[in-house]
Amino acid sequence: YRIRPRFLRDVSKIDTSVEILGERISMPLGVAPSAAQCLSHPDGELANVR
């Protein structure tokens, strides 16, 4: 796939809502790794790397 930038597009009616587990959320939702994983596992971030 190629990334094709689109210039001068009408963005007045953009809908960023998503549906997760049957619920509509008005904003996009992202999941990413976080710090302080040692609170839930003794090896912390190293456990994810392994």
C-alpha atoms as a PDB file:
ATOM      1  CA  TYR A   1       0.000   0.000   0.000  1.00  0.00           C
ATOM      2  CA  ARG A   2       1.158   3.493  -0.708  1.00  0.00           C
ATOM      3  CA  ILE A   3       0.503   6.450   1.503  1.00  0.00           C
ATOM      4  CA  ARG A   4      -1.191   9.050  -0.626  1.00  0.00           C
ATOM      5  CA  PRO A   5      -1.504  12.441   1.056  1.00  0.00           C
ATOM      6  CA  ARG A   6      -4.769  14.176   0.293  1.00  0.00           C
ATOM      7  CA  PHE A   7      -4.678  17.942   0.203  1.00  0.00           C
ATOM      8  CA  LEU A   8      -7.518  20.449   0.323  1.00  0.00           C
ATOM      9  CA  ARG A   9     -10.195  17.929   1.339  1.00  0.00           C
ATOM     10  CA  ASP A  10     -13.452  18.891   3.030  1.00  0.00           C
ATOM     11  CA  VAL A  11     -13.027  17.941   6.700  1.00  0.00           C
ATOM     12  CA  SER A  12     -16.161  19.619   8.040  1.00  0.00           C
ATOM     13  CA  LYS A  13     -18.047  16.303   8.357  1.00  0.00           C
ATOM     14  CA  ILE A  14     -15.357  13.953   9.710  1.00  0.00           C
ATOM     15  CA  ASP A  15     -16.644  11.239  12.060  1.00  0.00           C
ATOM     16  CA  THR A  16     -13.976   9.904  14.436  1.00  0.00           C
ATOM     17  CA  SER A  17     -16.355   7.785  16.507  1.00  0.00           C
ATOM     18  CA  VAL A  18     -15.812   4.040  16.864  1.00  0.00           C
ATOM     19  CA  GLU A  19     -17.883   1.105  18.072  1.00  0.00           C
ATOM     20  CA  ILE A  20     -16.262  -1.130  20.692  1.00  0.00           C
ATOM     21  CA  LEU A  21     -18.076  -4.110  22.197  1.00  0.00           C
ATOM     22  CA  GLY A  22     -21.383  -2.765  20.925  1.00  0.00           C
ATOM     23  CA  GLU A  23     -20.914   0.688  22.474  1.00  0.00           C
ATOM     24  CA  ARG A  24     -20.478   3.813  20.364  1.00  0.00           C
ATOM     25  CA  ILE A  25     -17.626   6.071  21.522  1.00  0.00           C
ATOM     26  CA  SER A  26     -17.397   9.602  20.103  1.00  0.00           C
ATOM     27  CA  MET A  27     -13.601   9.646  19.985  1.00  0.00           C
ATOM     28  CA  PRO A  28     -11.018   7.229  18.621  1.00  0.00           C
ATOM     29  CA  LEU A  29      -9.474   4.876  21.127  1.00  0.00           C
ATOM     30  CA  GLY A  30      -5.875   3.701  21.064  1.00  0.00           C
ATOM     31  CA  VAL A  31      -4.092   1.116  23.142  1.00  0.00           C
ATOM     32  CA  ALA A  32      -0.367   1.412  23.738  1.00  0.00           C
ATOM     33  CA  PRO A  33       2.247   0.056  26.121  1.00  0.00           C
ATOM     34  CA  SER A  34       2.736   1.943  29.338  1.00  0.00           C
ATOM     35  CA  ALA A  35       5.452   2.315  31.941  1.00  0.00           C
ATOM     36  CA  ALA A  36       5.575   1.032  35.527  1.00  0.00           C
ATOM     37  CA  GLN A  37       4.716  -2.525  34.528  1.00  0.00           C
ATOM     38  CA  CYS A  38       6.758  -3.704  37.490  1.00  0.00           C
ATOM     39  CA  LEU A  39       3.662  -2.982  39.570  1.00  0.00           C
ATOM     40  CA  SER A  40       1.932  -5.997  37.997  1.00  0.00           C
ATOM     41  CA  HIS A  41       4.929  -8.272  37.233  1.00  0.00           C
ATOM     42  CA  PRO A  42       8.275  -8.653  39.012  1.00  0.00           C
ATOM     43  CA  ASP A  43      10.256  -8.336  35.756  1.00  0.00           C
ATOM     44  CA  GLY A  44       8.333  -5.276  34.603  1.00  0.00           C
ATOM     45  CA  GLU A  45       9.040  -4.171  31.029  1.00  0.00           C
ATOM     46  CA  LEU A  46      11.599  -6.962  30.560  1.00  0.00           C
ATOM     47  CA  ALA A  47       8.807  -9.559  30.737  1.00  0.00           C
ATOM     48  CA  ASN A  48       7.216  -8.004  27.635  1.00  0.00           C
ATOM     49  CA  VAL A  49      10.483  -8.024  25.737  1.00  0.00           C
ATOM     50  CA  ARG A  50      11.027 -11.703  26.419  1.00  0.00           C
END
